[in-house]
């Protein structure tokens, strides 16, 4: 009695499928790394703008907008005394 499916073919197909999944995951990981790099850049720039606005007493609406964005990104610097 011979099986209709050869076990070695199933193993090869499984390995091929796993390789394809690995390639897909690697591509997704690459996209995530690039996305986090962009986020880190934007956060850094916004934090710098926020510091400058506080030092130079920028318009309240602008300070509030930058703070809102930073809080949304969970990147608001530690609370500082704005009146200092």
PDB file of N, CA and C in Angstrom:
ATOM      1  N   UNK A   1       0.826  -1.179   0.000  1.00  0.00           N
ATOM      2  CA  UNK A   1       0.000   0.000   0.000  1.00  0.00           C
ATOM      3  C   UNK A   1       0.867   1.237   0.000  1.00  0.00           C
ATOM      4  N   UNK A   2       0.574   2.061  -0.965  1.00  0.00           N
ATOM      5  CA  UNK A   2       1.354   3.278  -1.108  1.00  0.00           C
ATOM      6  C   UNK A   2       0.465   4.479  -0.811  1.00  0.00           C
ATOM      7  N   UNK A   3       0.965   5.392   0.026  1.00  0.00           N
ATOM      8  CA  UNK A   3       0.209   6.606   0.317  1.00  0.00           C
ATOM      9  C   UNK A   3       0.118   7.464  -0.921  1.00  0.00           C
ATOM     10  N   UNK A   4      -1.014   8.163  -1.045  1.00  0.00           N
ATOM     11  CA  UNK A   4      -1.171   9.060  -2.184  1.00  0.00           C
ATOM     12  C   UNK A   4      -0.233  10.259  -2.067  1.00  0.00           C
ATOM     13  N   UNK A   5       0.057  10.668  -0.843  1.00  0.00           N
ATOM     14  CA  UNK A   5       0.964  11.793  -0.631  1.00  0.00           C
ATOM     15  C   UNK A   5       2.288  11.269  -0.118  1.00  0.00           C
ATOM     16  N   UNK A   6       3.323  11.778  -0.667  1.00  0.00           N
ATOM     17  CA  UNK A   6       4.654  11.404  -0.215  1.00  0.00           C
ATOM     18  C   UNK A   6       5.022  12.313   0.957  1.00  0.00           C
ATOM     19  N   UNK A   7       5.388  11.775   2.101  1.00  0.00           N
ATOM     20  CA  UNK A   7       5.728  12.603   3.256  1.00  0.00           C
ATOM     21  C   UNK A   7       6.846  13.601   2.970  1.00  0.00           C
ATOM     22  N   UNK A   8       7.800  13.238   2.133  1.00  0.00           N
ATOM     23  CA  UNK A   8       8.897  14.162   1.847  1.00  0.00           C
ATOM     24  C   UNK A   8       8.386  15.398   1.103  1.00  0.00           C
ATOM     25  N   UNK A   9       7.368  15.235   0.283  1.00  0.00           N
ATOM     26  CA  UNK A   9       6.772  16.386  -0.404  1.00  0.00           C
ATOM     27  C   UNK A   9       6.086  17.311   0.594  1.00  0.00           C
ATOM     28  N   UNK A  10       5.426  16.731   1.609  1.00  0.00           N
ATOM     29  CA  UNK A  10       4.775  17.534   2.642  1.00  0.00           C
ATOM     30  C   UNK A  10       5.816  18.332   3.421  1.00  0.00           C
ATOM     31  N   UNK A  11       6.932  17.708   3.714  1.00  0.00           N
ATOM     32  CA  UNK A  11       7.995  18.389   4.451  1.00  0.00           C
ATOM     33  C   UNK A  11       8.564  19.528   3.612  1.00  0.00           C
ATOM     34  N   UNK A  12       8.824  19.267   2.347  1.00  0.00           N
ATOM     35  CA  UNK A  12       9.337  20.314   1.460  1.00  0.00           C
ATOM     36  C   UNK A  12       8.360  21.472   1.342  1.00  0.00           C
ATOM     37  N   UNK A  13       7.081  21.145   1.193  1.00  0.00           N
ATOM     38  CA  UNK A  13       6.072  22.200   1.093  1.00  0.00           C
ATOM     39  C   UNK A  13       6.004  23.001   2.392  1.00  0.00           C
ATOM     40  N   UNK A  14       6.111  22.310   3.511  1.00  0.00           N
ATOM     41  CA  UNK A  14       6.100  22.990   4.809  1.00  0.00           C
ATOM     42  C   UNK A  14       7.287  23.918   4.975  1.00  0.00           C
ATOM     43  N   UNK A  15       8.460  23.437   4.577  1.00  0.00           N
ATOM     44  CA  UNK A  15       9.670  24.259   4.673  1.00  0.00           C
ATOM     45  C   UNK A  15       9.564  25.467   3.748  1.00  0.00           C
ATOM     46  N   UNK A  16       9.067  25.265   2.549  1.00  0.00           N
ATOM     47  CA  UNK A  16       8.878  26.375   1.611  1.00  0.00           C
ATOM     48  C   UNK A  16       7.910  27.396   2.190  1.00  0.00           C
ATOM     49  N   UNK A  17       6.842  26.918   2.788  1.00  0.00           N
ATOM     50  CA  UNK A  17       5.861  27.809   3.400  1.00  0.00           C
ATOM     51  C   UNK A  17       6.489  28.588   4.566  1.00  0.00           C
ATOM     52  N   UNK A  18       7.248  27.914   5.400  1.00  0.00           N
ATOM     53  CA  UNK A  18       7.913  28.572   6.526  1.00  0.00           C
ATOM     54  C   UNK A  18       8.916  29.622   6.048  1.00  0.00           C
ATOM     55  N   UNK A  19       9.632  29.332   4.996  1.00  0.00           N
ATOM     56  CA  UNK A  19      10.575  30.309   4.438  1.00  0.00           C
ATOM     57  C   UNK A  19       9.839  31.554   3.934  1.00  0.00           C
ATOM     58  N   UNK A  20       8.714  31.334   3.283  1.00  0.00           N
ATOM     59  CA  UNK A  20       7.919  32.469   2.793  1.00  0.00           C
ATOM     60  C   UNK A  20       7.410  33.308   3.960  1.00  0.00           C
ATOM     61  N   UNK A  21       6.961  32.639   5.019  1.00  0.00           N
ATOM     62  CA  UNK A  21       6.515  33.364   6.213  1.00  0.00           C
ATOM     63  C   UNK A  21       7.663  34.159   6.841  1.00  0.00           C
ATOM     64  N   UNK A  22       8.832  33.553   6.896  1.00  0.00           N
ATOM     65  CA  UNK A  22       9.998  34.239   7.462  1.00  0.00           C
ATOM     66  C   UNK A  22      10.327  35.491   6.658  1.00  0.00           C
ATOM     67  N   UNK A  23      10.308  35.387   5.344  1.00  0.00           N
ATOM     68  CA  UNK A  23      10.584  36.542   4.492  1.00  0.00           C
ATOM     69  C   UNK A  23       9.561  37.653   4.724  1.00  0.00           C
ATOM     70  N   UNK A  24       8.303  37.256   4.856  1.00  0.00           N
ATOM     71  CA  UNK A  24       7.245  38.237   5.094  1.00  0.00           C
ATOM     72  C   UNK A  24       7.448  38.934   6.443  1.00  0.00           C
ATOM     73  N   UNK A  25       7.779  38.177   7.466  1.00  0.00           N
ATOM     74  CA  UNK A  25       8.020  38.764   8.790  1.00  0.00           C
ATOM     75  C   UNK A  25       9.237  39.680   8.788  1.00  0.00           C
ATOM     76  N   UNK A  26      10.279  39.296   8.086  1.00  0.00           N
ATOM     77  CA  UNK A  26      11.473  40.143   7.997  1.00  0.00           C
ATOM     78  C   UNK A  26      11.150  41.470   7.316  1.00  0.00           C
ATOM     79  N   UNK A  27      10.333  41.426   6.285  1.00  0.00           N
ATOM     80  CA  UNK A  27       9.933  42.654   5.592  1.00  0.00           C
ATOM     81  C   UNK A  27       9.114  43.540   6.513  1.00  0.00           C
ATOM     82  N   UNK A  28       8.208  42.934   7.285  1.00  0.00           N
ATOM     83  CA  UNK A  28       7.409  43.707   8.232  1.00  0.00           C
ATOM     84  C   UNK A  28       8.287  44.324   9.308  1.00  0.00           C
ATOM     85  N   UNK A  29       9.261  43.588   9.793  1.00  0.00           N
ATOM     86  CA  UNK A  29      10.165  44.094  10.819  1.00  0.00           C
ATOM     87  C   UNK A  29      10.952  45.292  10.284  1.00  0.00           C
ATOM     88  N   UNK A  30      11.378  45.205   9.049  1.00  0.00           N
ATOM     89  CA  UNK A  30      12.112  46.301   8.433  1.00  0.00           C
ATOM     90  C   UNK A  30      11.251  47.558   8.369  1.00  0.00           C
ATOM     91  N   UNK A  31       9.976  47.382   8.018  1.00  0.00           N
ATOM     92  CA  UNK A  31       9.050  48.518   7.958  1.00  0.00           C
ATOM     93  C   UNK A  31       8.830  49.107   9.347  1.00  0.00           C
ATOM     94  N   UNK A  32       8.743  48.257  10.370  1.00  0.00           N
ATOM     95  CA  UNK A  32       8.561  48.735  11.744  1.00  0.00           C
ATOM     96  C   UNK A  32       9.759  49.548  12.193  1.00  0.00           C
ATOM     97  N   UNK A  33      10.951  49.076  11.898  1.00  0.00           N
ATOM     98  CA  UNK A  33      12.172  49.793  12.291  1.00  0.00           C
ATOM     99  C   UNK A  33      12.201  51.165  11.634  1.00  0.00           C
ATOM    100  N   UNK A  34      11.872  51.214  10.352  1.00  0.00           N
ATOM    101  CA  UNK A  34      11.850  52.494   9.635  1.00  0.00           C
ATOM    102  C   UNK A  34      10.783  53.410  10.225  1.00  0.00           C
ATOM    103  N   UNK A  35       9.633  52.871  10.559  1.00  0.00           N
ATOM    104  CA  UNK A  35       8.559  53.659  11.152  1.00  0.00           C
ATOM    105  C   UNK A  35       8.956  54.243  12.493  1.00  0.00           C
ATOM    106  N   UNK A  36       9.628  53.454  13.328  1.00  0.00           N
ATOM    107  CA  UNK A  36      10.082  53.953  14.625  1.00  0.00           C
ATOM    108  C   UNK A  36      11.167  55.010  14.469  1.00  0.00           C
ATOM    109  N   UNK A  37      12.002  54.881  13.460  1.00  0.00           N
ATOM    110  CA  UNK A  37      13.038  55.891  13.219  1.00  0.00           C
ATOM    111  C   UNK A  37      12.400  57.232  12.863  1.00  0.00           C
ATOM    112  N   UNK A  38      11.371  57.200  12.034  1.00  0.00           N
ATOM    113  CA  UNK A  38      10.658  58.424  11.666  1.00  0.00           C
ATOM    114  C   UNK A  38       9.991  59.016  12.901  1.00  0.00           C
ATOM    115  N   UNK A  39       9.333  58.176  13.701  1.00  0.00           N
ATOM    116  CA  UNK A  39       8.678  58.646  14.923  1.00  0.00           C
ATOM    117  C   UNK A  39       9.688  59.293  15.857  1.00  0.00           C
ATOM    118  N   UNK A  40      10.821  58.655  16.062  1.00  0.00           N
ATOM    119  CA  UNK A  40      11.850  59.198  16.950  1.00  0.00           C
ATOM    120  C   UNK A  40      12.341  60.559  16.464  1.00  0.00           C
ATOM    121  N   UNK A  41      12.503  60.713  15.157  1.00  0.00           N
ATOM    122  CA  UNK A  41      12.936  61.990  14.590  1.00  0.00           C
ATOM    123  C   UNK A  41      11.903  63.075  14.868  1.00  0.00           C
ATOM    124  N   UNK A  42      10.632  62.770  14.592  1.00  0.00           N
ATOM    125  CA  UNK A  42       9.563  63.752  14.790  1.00  0.00           C
ATOM    126  C   UNK A  42       9.462  64.134  16.264  1.00  0.00           C
ATOM    127  N   UNK A  43       9.522  63.159  17.148  1.00  0.00           N
ATOM    128  CA  UNK A  43       9.441  63.441  18.587  1.00  0.00           C
ATOM    129  C   UNK A  43      10.593  64.328  19.024  1.00  0.00           C
ATOM    130  N   UNK A  44      11.787  64.026  18.587  1.00  0.00           N
ATOM    131  CA  UNK A  44      12.961  64.824  18.951  1.00  0.00           C
ATOM    132  C   UNK A  44      12.804  66.269  18.488  1.00  0.00           C
ATOM    133  N   UNK A  45      12.357  66.440  17.265  1.00  0.00           N
ATOM    134  CA  UNK A  45      12.173  67.795  16.734  1.00  0.00           C
ATOM    135  C   UNK A  45      11.081  68.546  17.501  1.00  0.00           C
ATOM    136  N   UNK A  46       9.988  67.871  17.808  1.00  0.00           N
ATOM    137  CA  UNK A  46       8.906  68.513  18.560  1.00  0.00           C
ATOM    138  C   UNK A  46       9.351  68.878  19.976  1.00  0.00           C
ATOM    139  N   UNK A  47      10.154  68.026  20.600  1.00  0.00           N
ATOM    140  CA  UNK A  47      10.655  68.336  21.937  1.00  0.00           C
ATOM    141  C   UNK A  47      11.571  69.562  21.897  1.00  0.00           C
ATOM    142  N   UNK A  48      12.377  69.668  20.865  1.00  0.00           N
ATOM    143  CA  UNK A  48      13.244  70.838  20.711  1.00  0.00           C
ATOM    144  C   UNK A  48      12.407  72.100  20.513  1.00  0.00           C
ATOM    145  N   UNK A  49      11.394  72.015  19.661  1.00  0.00           N
ATOM    146  CA  UNK A  49      10.504  73.159  19.441  1.00  0.00           C
ATOM    147  C   UNK A  49       9.813  73.540  20.744  1.00  0.00           C
ATOM    148  N   UNK A  50       9.365  72.543  21.494  1.00  0.00           N
ATOM    149  CA  UNK A  50       8.676  72.791  22.762  1.00  0.00           C
ATOM    150  C   UNK A  50       9.598  73.543  23.724  1.00  0.00           C
ATOM    151  N   UNK A  51      10.831  73.088  23.843  1.00  0.00           N
ATOM    152  CA  UNK A  51      11.796  73.754  24.725  1.00  0.00           C
ATOM    153  C   UNK A  51      12.014  75.200  24.290  1.00  0.00           C
ATOM    154  N   UNK A  52      12.163  75.426  22.993  1.00  0.00           N
ATOM    155  CA  UNK A  52      12.372  76.782  22.488  1.00  0.00           C
ATOM    156  C   UNK A  52      11.168  77.676  22.745  1.00  0.00           C
ATOM    157  N   UNK A  53       9.976  77.132  22.563  1.00  0.00           N
ATOM    158  CA  UNK A  53       8.768  77.910  22.820  1.00  0.00           C
ATOM    159  C   UNK A  53       8.678  78.314  24.291  1.00  0.00           C
ATOM    160  N   UNK A  54       9.052  77.408  25.179  1.00  0.00           N
ATOM    161  CA  UNK A  54       9.011  77.724  26.609  1.00  0.00           C
ATOM    162  C   UNK A  54      10.071  78.757  26.979  1.00  0.00           C
ATOM    163  N   UNK A  55      11.273  78.620  26.413  1.00  0.00           N
ATOM    164  CA  UNK A  55      12.367  79.557  26.720  1.00  0.00           C
ATOM    165  C   UNK A  55      12.073  80.953  26.172  1.00  0.00           C
ATOM    166  N   UNK A  56      11.493  81.013  25.003  1.00  0.00           N
ATOM    167  CA  UNK A  56      11.265  82.294  24.338  1.00  0.00           C
ATOM    168  C   UNK A  56       9.837  82.805  24.555  1.00  0.00           C
ATOM    169  N   UNK A  57       9.118  82.176  25.467  1.00  0.00           N
ATOM    170  CA  UNK A  57       7.733  82.533  25.745  1.00  0.00           C
ATOM    171  C   UNK A  57       6.933  82.648  24.447  1.00  0.00           C
ATOM    172  N   UNK A  58       6.813  81.523  23.794  1.00  0.00           N
ATOM    173  CA  UNK A  58       6.052  81.466  22.540  1.00  0.00           C
ATOM    174  C   UNK A  58       4.564  81.609  22.800  1.00  0.00           C
ATOM    175  N   UNK A  59       3.787  81.734  21.741  1.00  0.00           N
ATOM    176  CA  UNK A  59       2.337  81.875  21.897  1.00  0.00           C
ATOM    177  C   UNK A  59       1.744  80.650  22.608  1.00  0.00           C
ATOM    178  N   UNK A  60       0.802  80.917  23.505  1.00  0.00           N
ATOM    179  CA  UNK A  60       0.194  79.831  24.280  1.00  0.00           C
ATOM    180  C   UNK A  60      -0.429  78.769  23.389  1.00  0.00           C
ATOM    181  N   UNK A  61      -1.097  79.187  22.310  1.00  0.00           N
ATOM    182  CA  UNK A  61      -1.758  78.221  21.440  1.00  0.00           C
ATOM    183  C   UNK A  61      -0.743  77.269  20.822  1.00  0.00           C
ATOM    184  N   UNK A  62       0.431  77.780  20.521  1.00  0.00           N
ATOM    185  CA  UNK A  62       1.468  76.963  19.890  1.00  0.00           C
ATOM    186  C   UNK A  62       2.052  75.971  20.903  1.00  0.00           C
ATOM    187  N   UNK A  63       2.320  76.469  22.097  1.00  0.00           N
ATOM    188  CA  UNK A  63       2.844  75.599  23.165  1.00  0.00           C
ATOM    189  C   UNK A  63       1.839  74.485  23.447  1.00  0.00           C
ATOM    190  N   UNK A  64       0.567  74.848  23.565  1.00  0.00           N
ATOM    191  CA  UNK A  64      -0.472  73.856  23.855  1.00  0.00           C
ATOM    192  C   UNK A  64      -0.589  72.825  22.730  1.00  0.00           C
ATOM    193  N   UNK A  65      -0.466  73.263  21.499  1.00  0.00           N
ATOM    194  CA  UNK A  65      -0.568  72.341  20.354  1.00  0.00           C
ATOM    195  C   UNK A  65       0.587  71.344  20.363  1.00  0.00           C
ATOM    196  N   UNK A  66       1.803  71.846  20.588  1.00  0.00           N
ATOM    197  CA  UNK A  66       2.971  70.958  20.619  1.00  0.00           C
ATOM    198  C   UNK A  66       2.854  69.988  21.797  1.00  0.00           C
ATOM    199  N   UNK A  67       2.407  70.485  22.957  1.00  0.00           N
ATOM    200  CA  UNK A  67       2.228  69.613  24.115  1.00  0.00           C
ATOM    201  C   UNK A  67       1.181  68.543  23.833  1.00  0.00           C
ATOM    202  N   UNK A  68       0.115  68.911  23.162  1.00  0.00           N
ATOM    203  CA  UNK A  68      -0.933  67.938  22.817  1.00  0.00           C
ATOM    204  C   UNK A  68      -0.375  66.828  21.916  1.00  0.00           C
ATOM    205  N   UNK A  69       0.399  67.230  20.936  1.00  0.00           N
ATOM    206  CA  UNK A  69       0.990  66.244  20.019  1.00  0.00           C
ATOM    207  C   UNK A  69       1.947  65.331  20.776  1.00  0.00           C
ATOM    208  N   UNK A  70       2.810  65.910  21.602  1.00  0.00           N
ATOM    209  CA  UNK A  70       3.773  65.102  22.362  1.00  0.00           C
ATOM    210  C   UNK A  70       3.062  64.154  23.324  1.00  0.00           C
ATOM    211  N   UNK A  71       2.008  64.630  23.974  1.00  0.00           N
ATOM    212  CA  UNK A  71       1.254  63.750  24.879  1.00  0.00           C
ATOM    213  C   UNK A  71       0.604  62.619  24.099  1.00  0.00           C
ATOM    214  N   UNK A  72       0.117  62.913  22.906  1.00  0.00           N
ATOM    215  CA  UNK A  72      -0.502  61.878  22.073  1.00  0.00           C
ATOM    216  C   UNK A  72       0.515  60.808  21.685  1.00  0.00           C
ATOM    217  N   UNK A  73       1.747  61.227  21.510  1.00  0.00           N
ATOM    218  CA  UNK A  73       2.819  60.286  21.148  1.00  0.00           C
ATOM    219  C   UNK A  73       3.488  59.694  22.385  1.00  0.00           C
ATOM    220  N   UNK A  74       2.968  60.030  23.551  1.00  0.00           N
ATOM    221  CA  UNK A  74       3.531  59.605  24.834  1.00  0.00           C
ATOM    222  C   UNK A  74       5.011  59.975  24.881  1.00  0.00           C
ATOM    223  N   UNK A  75       5.287  61.225  24.543  1.00  0.00           N
ATOM    224  CA  UNK A  75       6.672  61.679  24.485  1.00  0.00           C
ATOM    225  C   UNK A  75       6.838  63.049  25.141  1.00  0.00           C
ATOM    226  N   UNK A  76       5.898  63.422  25.985  1.00  0.00           N
ATOM    227  CA  UNK A  76       5.979  64.712  26.650  1.00  0.00           C
ATOM    228  C   UNK A  76       7.120  64.673  27.655  1.00  0.00           C
ATOM    229  N   UNK A  77       8.027  65.672  27.578  1.00  0.00           N
ATOM    230  CA  UNK A  77       9.109  65.693  28.561  1.00  0.00           C
ATOM    231  C   UNK A  77       8.543  65.820  29.967  1.00  0.00           C
ATOM    232  N   UNK A  78       9.350  65.508  30.955  1.00  0.00           N
ATOM    233  CA  UNK A  78       8.923  65.595  32.342  1.00  0.00           C
ATOM    234  C   UNK A  78       8.362  66.974  32.618  1.00  0.00           C
ATOM    235  N   UNK A  79       7.322  67.031  33.465  1.00  0.00           N
ATOM    236  CA  UNK A  79       6.704  68.320  33.783  1.00  0.00           C
ATOM    237  C   UNK A  79       7.750  69.272  34.314  1.00  0.00           C
ATOM    238  N   UNK A  80       7.767  70.461  33.734  1.00  0.00           N
ATOM    239  CA  UNK A  80       8.692  71.494  34.149  1.00  0.00           C
ATOM    240  C   UNK A  80       7.891  72.715  34.550  1.00  0.00           C
ATOM    241  N   UNK A  81       8.471  73.541  35.385  1.00  0.00           N
ATOM    242  CA  UNK A  81       7.802  74.763  35.789  1.00  0.00           C
ATOM    243  C   UNK A  81       7.874  75.741  34.625  1.00  0.00           C
ATOM    244  N   UNK A  82       6.727  75.993  34.008  1.00  0.00           N
ATOM    245  CA  UNK A  82       6.694  76.866  32.832  1.00  0.00           C
ATOM    246  C   UNK A  82       6.993  78.321  33.177  1.00  0.00           C
ATOM    247  N   UNK A  83       6.844  78.686  34.431  1.00  0.00           N
ATOM    248  CA  UNK A  83       7.066  80.068  34.846  1.00  0.00           C
ATOM    249  C   UNK A  83       8.516  80.329  35.243  1.00  0.00           C
ATOM    250  N   UNK A  84       9.344  79.324  35.178  1.00  0.00           N
ATOM    251  CA  UNK A  84      10.745  79.490  35.610  1.00  0.00           C
ATOM    252  C   UNK A  84      11.517  80.368  34.658  1.00  0.00           C
TER     253      UNK A  84
END
